[in-house]
Structures are given as C-alpha cells and as structure tokens.
C-alpha atoms as a PDB file:
ATOM      1  CA  UNK A   1     106.580 213.874 108.782  1.00  0.00           C
ATOM      2  CA  UNK A   2     106.316 210.246 107.720  1.00  0.00           C
ATOM      3  CA  UNK A   3     108.739 211.128 104.490  1.00  0.00           C
ATOM      4  CA  UNK A   4     111.473 209.839 106.220  1.00  0.00           C
ATOM      5  CA  UNK A   5     109.628 206.554 107.195  1.00  0.00           C
ATOM      6  CA  UNK A   6     108.321 205.987 104.026  1.00  0.00           C
ATOM      7  CA  UNK A   7     112.293 206.126 102.432  1.00  0.00           C
ATOM      8  CA  UNK A   8     113.432 203.952 105.422  1.00  0.00           C
ATOM      9  CA  UNK A   9     110.589 201.476 104.610  1.00  0.00           C
ATOM     10  CA  UNK A  10     111.584 201.562 101.154  1.00  0.00           C
ATOM     11  CA  UNK A  11     115.423 201.095 102.121  1.00  0.00           C
ATOM     12  CA  UNK A  12     114.115 197.931 104.642  1.00  0.00           C
ATOM     13  CA  UNK A  13     112.678 196.390 101.747  1.00  0.00           C
ATOM     14  CA  UNK A  14     115.516 196.210  99.786  1.00  0.00           C
ATOM     15  CA  UNK A  15     117.617 195.589 102.809  1.00  0.00           C
ATOM     16  CA  UNK A  16     115.465 192.396 103.429  1.00  0.00           C
ATOM     17  CA  UNK A  17     115.196 191.317  99.835  1.00  0.00           C
ATOM     18  CA  UNK A  18     118.872 190.999  99.561  1.00  0.00           C
ATOM     19  CA  UNK A  19     119.743 190.344 102.988  1.00  0.00           C
ATOM     20  CA  UNK A  20     117.272 187.541 102.631  1.00  0.00           C
ATOM     21  CA  UNK A  21     118.560 186.243  99.154  1.00  0.00           C
ATOM     22  CA  UNK A  22     121.942 185.513 101.009  1.00  0.00           C
ATOM     23  CA  UNK A  23     120.478 184.352 103.884  1.00  0.00           C
ATOM     24  CA  UNK A  24     119.395 181.484 101.633  1.00  0.00           C
ATOM     25  CA  UNK A  25     122.934 180.346 100.734  1.00  0.00           C
ATOM     26  CA  UNK A  26     124.832 181.308 103.875  1.00  0.00           C
ATOM     27  CA  UNK A  27     124.418 177.889 105.642  1.00  0.00           C
ATOM     28  CA  UNK A  28     125.916 176.231 102.846  1.00  0.00           C
ATOM     29  CA  UNK A  29     128.471 178.626 102.395  1.00  0.00           C
ATOM     30  CA  UNK A  30     129.659 178.379 106.020  1.00  0.00           C
ATOM     31  CA  UNK A  31     130.245 174.801 105.338  1.00  0.00           C
ATOM     32  CA  UNK A  32     126.894 173.723 107.459  1.00  0.00           C
ATOM     33  CA  UNK A  33     127.904 175.730 110.581  1.00  0.00           C
ATOM     34  CA  UNK A  34     125.316 175.188 113.351  1.00  0.00           C
ATOM     35  CA  UNK A  35     125.753 178.715 114.608  1.00  0.00           C
ATOM     36  CA  UNK A  36     125.071 180.117 110.990  1.00  0.00           C
ATOM     37  CA  UNK A  37     122.095 177.706 110.839  1.00  0.00           C
ATOM     38  CA  UNK A  38     120.176 179.389 113.390  1.00  0.00           C
ATOM     39  CA  UNK A  39     119.216 182.649 111.141  1.00  0.00           C
ATOM     40  CA  UNK A  40     120.021 181.179 107.970  1.00  0.00           C
ATOM     41  CA  UNK A  41     117.578 178.639 105.353  1.00  0.00           C
ATOM     42  CA  UNK A  42     119.601 175.434 106.301  1.00  0.00           C
ATOM     43  CA  UNK A  43     117.190 173.227 103.850  1.00  0.00           C
ATOM     44  CA  UNK A  44     114.327 173.826 101.109  1.00  0.00           C
ATOM     45  CA  UNK A  45     111.134 173.751 103.406  1.00  0.00           C
ATOM     46  CA  UNK A  46     108.639 176.265 103.798  1.00  0.00           C
ATOM     47  CA  UNK A  47     109.565 176.986 107.328  1.00  0.00           C
ATOM     48  CA  UNK A  48     112.946 177.758 106.595  1.00  0.00           C
ATOM     49  CA  UNK A  49     112.337 179.970 103.939  1.00  0.00           C
ATOM     50  CA  UNK A  50     110.461 182.067 106.268  1.00  0.00           C
ATOM     51  CA  UNK A  51     113.748 182.600 107.804  1.00  0.00           C
ATOM     52  CA  UNK A  52     114.760 184.708 104.754  1.00  0.00           C
ATOM     53  CA  UNK A  53     111.773 187.432 105.672  1.00  0.00           C
ATOM     54  CA  UNK A  54     112.043 187.356 109.322  1.00  0.00           C
ATOM     55  CA  UNK A  55     115.574 187.508 109.877  1.00  0.00           C
ATOM     56  CA  UNK A  56     116.408 190.424 107.612  1.00  0.00           C
ATOM     57  CA  UNK A  57     113.111 192.632 108.491  1.00  0.00           C
ATOM     58  CA  UNK A  58     113.363 191.930 112.380  1.00  0.00           C
ATOM     59  CA  UNK A  59     117.154 193.157 112.117  1.00  0.00           C
ATOM     60  CA  UNK A  60     116.494 196.530 110.234  1.00  0.00           C
ATOM     61  CA  UNK A  61     113.365 197.113 112.352  1.00  0.00           C
ATOM     62  CA  UNK A  62     115.918 197.203 115.302  1.00  0.00           C
ATOM     63  CA  UNK A  63     118.224 199.361 113.655  1.00  0.00           C
ATOM     64  CA  UNK A  64     115.555 201.368 112.263  1.00  0.00           C
ATOM     65  CA  UNK A  65     114.348 201.953 115.620  1.00  0.00           C
ATOM     66  CA  UNK A  66     117.082 203.057 116.993  1.00  0.00           C
ATOM     67  CA  UNK A  67     117.716 205.827 114.415  1.00  0.00           C
ATOM     68  CA  UNK A  68     113.966 206.541 113.455  1.00  0.00           C
ATOM     69  CA  UNK A  69     111.385 204.240 115.018  1.00  0.00           C
ATOM     70  CA  UNK A  70     111.417 205.986 118.463  1.00  0.00           C
ATOM     71  CA  UNK A  71     109.740 209.039 116.988  1.00  0.00           C
ATOM     72  CA  UNK A  72     106.645 206.804 116.869  1.00  0.00           C
ATOM     73  CA  UNK A  73     104.193 205.064 119.408  1.00  0.00           C
ATOM     74  CA  UNK A  74     103.097 202.553 117.495  1.00  0.00           C
ATOM     75  CA  UNK A  75     106.304 201.655 115.642  1.00  0.00           C
ATOM     76  CA  UNK A  76     106.940 198.216 117.402  1.00  0.00           C
ATOM     77  CA  UNK A  77     103.449 196.984 116.810  1.00  0.00           C
ATOM     78  CA  UNK A  78     103.665 198.330 112.965  1.00  0.00           C
ATOM     79  CA  UNK A  79     106.772 196.259 112.524  1.00  0.00           C
ATOM     80  CA  UNK A  80     105.176 193.267 114.376  1.00  0.00           C
ATOM     81  CA  UNK A  81     102.101 193.303 112.510  1.00  0.00           C
ATOM     82  CA  UNK A  82     104.298 193.750 109.241  1.00  0.00           C
ATOM     83  CA  UNK A  83     106.745 190.703 109.985  1.00  0.00           C
ATOM     84  CA  UNK A  84     103.799 188.667 110.726  1.00  0.00           C
ATOM     85  CA  UNK A  85     101.951 189.544 107.539  1.00  0.00           C
ATOM     86  CA  UNK A  86     105.065 188.819 105.277  1.00  0.00           C
ATOM     87  CA  UNK A  87     105.085 185.079 106.927  1.00  0.00           C
ATOM     88  CA  UNK A  88     101.418 185.284 106.101  1.00  0.00           C
ATOM     89  CA  UNK A  89     101.797 186.235 102.582  1.00  0.00           C
ATOM     90  CA  UNK A  90     104.551 183.720 102.073  1.00  0.00           C
ATOM     91  CA  UNK A  91     102.621 180.737 103.058  1.00  0.00           C
ATOM     92  CA  UNK A  92      99.183 181.765 102.042  1.00  0.00           C
ATOM     93  CA  UNK A  93     100.642 182.359  98.134  1.00  0.00           C
ATOM     94  CA  UNK A  94     103.052 179.236  98.552  1.00  0.00           C
ATOM     95  CA  UNK A  95     100.276 176.750  99.605  1.00  0.00           C
ATOM     96  CA  UNK A  96      97.503 177.967  97.432  1.00  0.00           C
ATOM     97  CA  UNK A  97      99.668 178.053  94.146  1.00  0.00           C
ATOM     98  CA  UNK A  98     101.496 174.594  94.597  1.00  0.00           C
ATOM     99  CA  UNK A  99      98.461 173.347  95.866  1.00  0.00           C
ATOM    100  CA  UNK A 100      96.793 174.118  92.804  1.00  0.00           C
ATOM    101  CA  UNK A 101      99.913 173.031  90.180  1.00  0.00           C
ATOM    102  CA  UNK A 102     100.952 170.521  92.348  1.00  0.00           C
ATOM    103  CA  UNK A 103     104.605 171.403  92.550  1.00  0.00           C
ATOM    104  CA  UNK A 104     106.873 174.600  93.070  1.00  0.00           C
ATOM    105  CA  UNK A 105     108.910 176.964  90.868  1.00  0.00           C
ATOM    106  CA  UNK A 106     112.070 178.571  92.245  1.00  0.00           C
ATOM    107  CA  UNK A 107     110.254 181.740  90.385  1.00  0.00           C
ATOM    108  CA  UNK A 108     107.311 181.633  91.530  1.00  0.00           C
ATOM    109  CA  UNK A 109     108.867 181.347  95.085  1.00  0.00           C
ATOM    110  CA  UNK A 110     111.128 184.030  94.392  1.00  0.00           C
ATOM    111  CA  UNK A 111     108.688 186.443  92.946  1.00  0.00           C
ATOM    112  CA  UNK A 112     106.282 185.311  96.137  1.00  0.00           C
ATOM    113  CA  UNK A 113     108.981 186.211  98.578  1.00  0.00           C
ATOM    114  CA  UNK A 114     109.661 189.827  97.087  1.00  0.00           C
ATOM    115  CA  UNK A 115     105.445 190.868  96.781  1.00  0.00           C
ATOM    116  CA  UNK A 116     105.272 189.522 100.562  1.00  0.00           C
ATOM    117  CA  UNK A 117     108.287 191.756 101.894  1.00  0.00           C
ATOM    118  CA  UNK A 118     107.028 194.511 100.184  1.00  0.00           C
ATOM    119  CA  UNK A 119     103.548 194.112 101.250  1.00  0.00           C
ATOM    120  CA  UNK A 120     104.871 193.353 105.002  1.00  0.00           C
ATOM    121  CA  UNK A 121     106.924 196.995 104.447  1.00  0.00           C
ATOM    122  CA  UNK A 122     103.509 198.634 103.248  1.00  0.00           C
ATOM    123  CA  UNK A 123     101.634 197.271 105.899  1.00  0.00           C
ATOM    124  CA  UNK A 124     104.409 198.384 108.464  1.00  0.00           C
ATOM    125  CA  UNK A 125     104.019 202.051 107.194  1.00  0.00           C
ATOM    126  CA  UNK A 126     100.428 202.027 107.204  1.00  0.00           C
ATOM    127  CA  UNK A 127     100.089 200.938 110.913  1.00  0.00           C
ATOM    128  CA  UNK A 128     103.083 203.746 111.575  1.00  0.00           C
ATOM    129  CA  UNK A 129     101.373 206.212 109.653  1.00  0.00           C
ATOM    130  CA  UNK A 130      97.634 205.489 111.050  1.00  0.00           C
ATOM    131  CA  UNK A 131      97.734 204.123 114.538  1.00  0.00           C
ATOM    132  CA  UNK A 132      99.067 205.979 117.613  1.00  0.00           C
ATOM    133  CA  UNK A 133      99.073 203.392 120.219  1.00  0.00           C
ATOM    134  CA  UNK A 134     100.959 204.809 122.995  1.00  0.00           C
ATOM    135  CA  UNK A 135     100.308 201.611 125.612  1.00  0.00           C
ATOM    136  CA  UNK A 136     103.113 199.888 127.103  1.00  0.00           C
ATOM    137  CA  UNK A 137     101.483 196.904 127.055  1.00  0.00           C
ATOM    138  CA  UNK A 138     101.086 196.763 123.210  1.00  0.00           C
ATOM    139  CA  UNK A 139     104.712 197.252 122.574  1.00  0.00           C
ATOM    140  CA  UNK A 140     105.895 194.533 125.148  1.00  0.00           C
ATOM    141  CA  UNK A 141     103.315 192.379 123.774  1.00  0.00           C
ATOM    142  CA  UNK A 142     104.649 192.736 120.389  1.00  0.00           C
ATOM    143  CA  UNK A 143     108.525 192.418 121.709  1.00  0.00           C
ATOM    144  CA  UNK A 144     107.174 189.241 123.248  1.00  0.00           C
ATOM    145  CA  UNK A 145     105.381 188.278 119.660  1.00  0.00           C
ATOM    146  CA  UNK A 146     109.046 188.660 117.805  1.00  0.00           C
ATOM    147  CA  UNK A 147     111.134 187.144 120.523  1.00  0.00           C
ATOM    148  CA  UNK A 148     108.658 184.325 120.167  1.00  0.00           C
ATOM    149  CA  UNK A 149     108.935 183.707 116.406  1.00  0.00           C
ATOM    150  CA  UNK A 150     112.720 184.258 116.859  1.00  0.00           C
ATOM    151  CA  UNK A 151     113.086 181.494 119.643  1.00  0.00           C
ATOM    152  CA  UNK A 152     110.894 179.243 117.555  1.00  0.00           C
ATOM    153  CA  UNK A 153     112.681 179.881 114.381  1.00  0.00           C
ATOM    154  CA  UNK A 154     116.280 178.688 115.949  1.00  0.00           C
ATOM    155  CA  UNK A 155     114.646 175.777 118.233  1.00  0.00           C
ATOM    156  CA  UNK A 156     112.799 174.702 115.110  1.00  0.00           C
ATOM    157  CA  UNK A 157     116.011 174.738 112.842  1.00  0.00           C
ATOM    158  CA  UNK A 158     117.577 171.697 115.161  1.00  0.00           C
ATOM    159  CA  UNK A 159     114.324 170.245 116.463  1.00  0.00           C
ATOM    160  CA  UNK A 160     111.941 170.798 113.894  1.00  0.00           C
ATOM    161  CA  UNK A 161     108.408 168.733 114.522  1.00  0.00           C
ATOM    162  CA  UNK A 162     107.214 166.397 112.153  1.00  0.00           C
ATOM    163  CA  UNK A 163     105.031 168.280 110.084  1.00  0.00           C
ATOM    164  CA  UNK A 164     104.631 169.535 106.212  1.00  0.00           C
ATOM    165  CA  UNK A 165     105.637 173.141 106.955  1.00  0.00           C
ATOM    166  CA  UNK A 166     109.103 171.604 107.982  1.00  0.00           C
ATOM    167  CA  UNK A 167     109.728 169.149 105.355  1.00  0.00           C
ATOM    168  CA  UNK A 168     112.774 169.665 102.783  1.00  0.00           C
ATOM    169  CA  UNK A 169     110.536 168.291  99.876  1.00  0.00           C
ATOM    170  CA  UNK A 170     114.263 167.645  98.038  1.00  0.00           C
ATOM    171  CA  UNK A 171     115.930 165.376 100.689  1.00  0.00           C
ATOM    172  CA  UNK A 172     112.554 164.615 102.186  1.00  0.00           C
ATOM    173  CA  UNK A 173     114.277 165.395 105.532  1.00  0.00           C
ATOM    174  CA  UNK A 174     113.712 168.129 108.703  1.00  0.00           C
ATOM    175  CA  UNK A 175     115.863 170.792 110.047  1.00  0.00           C
ATOM    176  CA  UNK A 176     119.983 170.522 110.108  1.00  0.00           C
END
C-alpha cells in the first residue's frame, strides 16, 4: 500500500533538488523579472534560499495529491510537516555551521540543502505511513499554514524585514 508513496517521495526529493537548483538562477536568467522573483531566489540571503525547498516541494505536493495523496487521510498534514521540517533543517544547519566557522561555504550550503530535502521527504513519508488523521480541521489548518508561508515568501521578496535572515551577505541589501 505504501510502496507507491515511497517511490513518489523519492521522485519528489529528486524533483525538489533539481527544481531548487534551477530556481536559484531563474530570477537572474529572466533578467530580474519581478513575477519570476516571487518564486525564485533573488539574492543570497538565507530567506531567499528557503524558497528553493519550499516552492518545488509545495508544487510537487499539489501534483502528488492529485494522483496519489487523496488516498491518505494524513497526506496534507504530512506534507506540511515535511516542508516545515526541511525549512527548519536548512536554517538550523546553516546557522550552526556558519556561526561556528564564521562564514559560509557554497559546497556546505548545497549539501545542507540536499540533506534537508531528503529529510523533509522522509518525514513526509513517515507521517503519511504512521498517522491517520481524518480531520477536516487538521487539513484546513495545514493548508492555511502552507498558504501563509507562500504569502510570506512572496511578500518578503518585495518587502523584507530588515533582519539578518533577509540580508544578502554579498550585497548587504534586502529583497529585490
């Protein structure tokens, strides 16, 4: 029963990693198109790099739901936990190692991204397999959380708070 979801999570991790890498460059490739900025990384801030996990994983989750996810009561909750866990892993690992070392290394950041994506999909699978929440309120709460994050990613691209999370360390600027 869960064999299809295992294969789908593996495919989802591959998709998220591949699409995340592409989204790192799409803003620049689009000649800084403001529409493309909403879902692409517009600078080197940690916030903008979180989009590289969030956007592809959310897109894959929506597509996966249409073909497979409806069969599982806890699917939407599982995807929410997976995505939020991936964000947590990226932030925790990046701030921990850069805080200890005092700087960022592109190779380490890429490895952290890949590990975080894989862990996010493992957590998502774990929740689908081990929990059977058949609650409309849990589903709607999960959807609301994902929509809130989506809105925050878009709004903070154009109007970022003046906090370190949103600061591009290369240009010392915020947002687009």
